[in-house]
Amino acid sequence: MAPSAGETSHTGQLTVAEALGVVRNNEEGQVHPAVTAVLEKAVGDVWRRIQAQPSNYVMSRDEFAVFNYHRNRFKDSQIAQQAVSRFWTNFRGDKS
């Protein structure tokens, strides 16, 4: 089963933002493996950055969105809790 037209960008590559949109708007509970793969890679990348700088890495807004989607995975991690706290301490909201 391929992603629906709304699940892919014009290049055929699913972006992290698009993947998050798909899972947020999914009412059926099943998510296409391509969507899951994009989000798994993204959360793995963010987690590696946090682990490389556990005391001072500040996630971007997009990184936080991915990390927050997977928050249950990190619920027992003090490093993750501190990273979330740093995000909120440094969050400046929309720049518009």
Protein backbone atom coordinates (compact mmCIF):
# COMPACT_ATOMS: atom_id res chain seq x y z
CA MET A 1 0.00 0.00 0.00
CA ALA A 2 1.48 3.35 -1.03
CA PRO A 3 0.92 6.67 0.77
CA SER A 4 -2.07 8.59 -0.49
CA ALA A 5 -1.55 11.71 -2.59
CA GLY A 6 -1.91 13.84 0.53
CA GLU A 7 0.91 11.97 2.20
CA THR A 8 3.70 12.81 -0.23
CA SER A 9 5.32 16.01 -1.36
CA HIS A 10 5.68 17.01 -4.98
CA THR A 11 9.08 15.29 -5.11
CA GLY A 12 7.70 11.97 -3.88
CA GLN A 13 9.73 12.26 -0.68
CA LEU A 14 7.75 12.57 2.53
CA THR A 15 8.99 15.39 4.77
CA VAL A 16 8.96 15.18 8.56
CA ALA A 17 6.30 17.91 8.73
CA GLU A 18 4.13 16.00 6.25
CA ALA A 19 4.60 12.76 8.16
CA LEU A 20 3.55 14.45 11.40
CA GLY A 21 0.50 15.85 9.65
CA VAL A 22 -0.44 12.40 8.40
CA VAL A 23 -0.26 10.79 11.85
CA ARG A 24 -2.06 13.69 13.53
CA ASN A 25 -4.92 13.51 11.04
CA ASN A 26 -5.09 9.72 10.89
CA GLU A 27 -8.41 8.48 12.22
CA GLU A 28 -8.00 4.82 11.23
CA GLY A 29 -5.06 4.05 13.51
CA GLN A 30 -2.91 2.44 10.82
CA VAL A 31 -0.06 4.48 9.42
CA HIS A 32 1.77 3.67 6.21
CA PRO A 33 5.27 2.25 6.83
CA ALA A 34 6.83 5.10 4.82
CA VAL A 35 5.35 7.61 7.26
CA THR A 36 6.57 5.61 10.24
CA ALA A 37 10.05 5.32 8.72
CA VAL A 38 10.35 9.09 8.26
CA LEU A 39 9.33 9.74 11.87
CA GLU A 40 11.57 6.99 13.26
CA LYS A 41 14.59 8.40 11.44
CA ALA A 42 13.76 11.92 12.59
CA VAL A 43 13.32 11.00 16.26
CA GLY A 44 16.52 8.94 16.15
CA ASP A 45 18.42 11.92 14.74
CA VAL A 46 17.04 14.25 17.42
CA TRP A 47 17.80 11.77 20.20
CA ARG A 48 21.40 11.37 18.99
CA ARG A 49 21.85 15.15 19.05
CA ILE A 50 20.43 15.34 22.58
CA GLN A 51 22.66 12.50 23.78
CA ALA A 52 25.72 14.16 22.22
CA GLN A 53 25.03 17.32 24.25
CA PRO A 54 22.80 16.14 27.12
CA SER A 55 23.22 19.25 29.23
CA ASN A 56 22.82 21.96 26.63
CA TYR A 57 21.21 20.83 23.36
CA VAL A 58 18.11 22.91 22.55
CA MET A 59 15.70 21.35 20.08
CA SER A 60 14.27 23.41 17.26
CA ARG A 61 10.52 23.72 16.99
CA ASP A 62 10.41 21.01 14.32
CA GLU A 63 12.65 18.70 16.32
CA PHE A 64 10.45 19.19 19.36
CA ALA A 65 7.33 18.32 17.34
CA VAL A 66 8.85 14.96 16.38
CA PHE A 67 10.21 14.33 19.87
CA ASN A 68 6.88 15.24 21.45
CA TYR A 69 5.06 12.80 19.16
CA HIS A 70 7.32 10.05 20.53
CA ARG A 71 7.31 11.36 24.12
CA ASN A 72 6.10 8.10 25.70
CA ARG A 73 9.26 6.39 24.49
CA PHE A 74 11.34 8.79 26.60
CA LYS A 75 9.06 9.21 29.63
CA ASP A 76 11.54 7.64 32.05
CA SER A 77 14.59 9.50 30.74
CA GLN A 78 15.94 12.36 32.83
CA ILE A 79 17.97 13.53 29.81
CA ALA A 80 14.78 13.71 27.72
CA GLN A 81 12.91 15.58 30.44
CA GLN A 82 15.72 18.12 30.68
CA ALA A 83 15.78 18.52 26.88
CA VAL A 84 12.03 19.23 26.86
CA SER A 85 12.46 21.73 29.68
CA ARG A 86 15.27 23.48 27.76
CA PHE A 87 13.05 23.66 24.68
CA TRP A 88 10.27 25.40 26.62
CA THR A 89 12.73 27.70 28.40
CA ASN A 90 14.09 28.83 25.02
CA PHE A 91 10.86 28.73 22.98
CA ARG A 92 10.06 32.11 21.44
CA GLY A 93 6.86 31.25 19.59
CA ASP A 94 6.00 32.35 16.08
CA LYS A 95 8.23 35.02 14.64
CA SER A 96 5.42 36.37 12.43
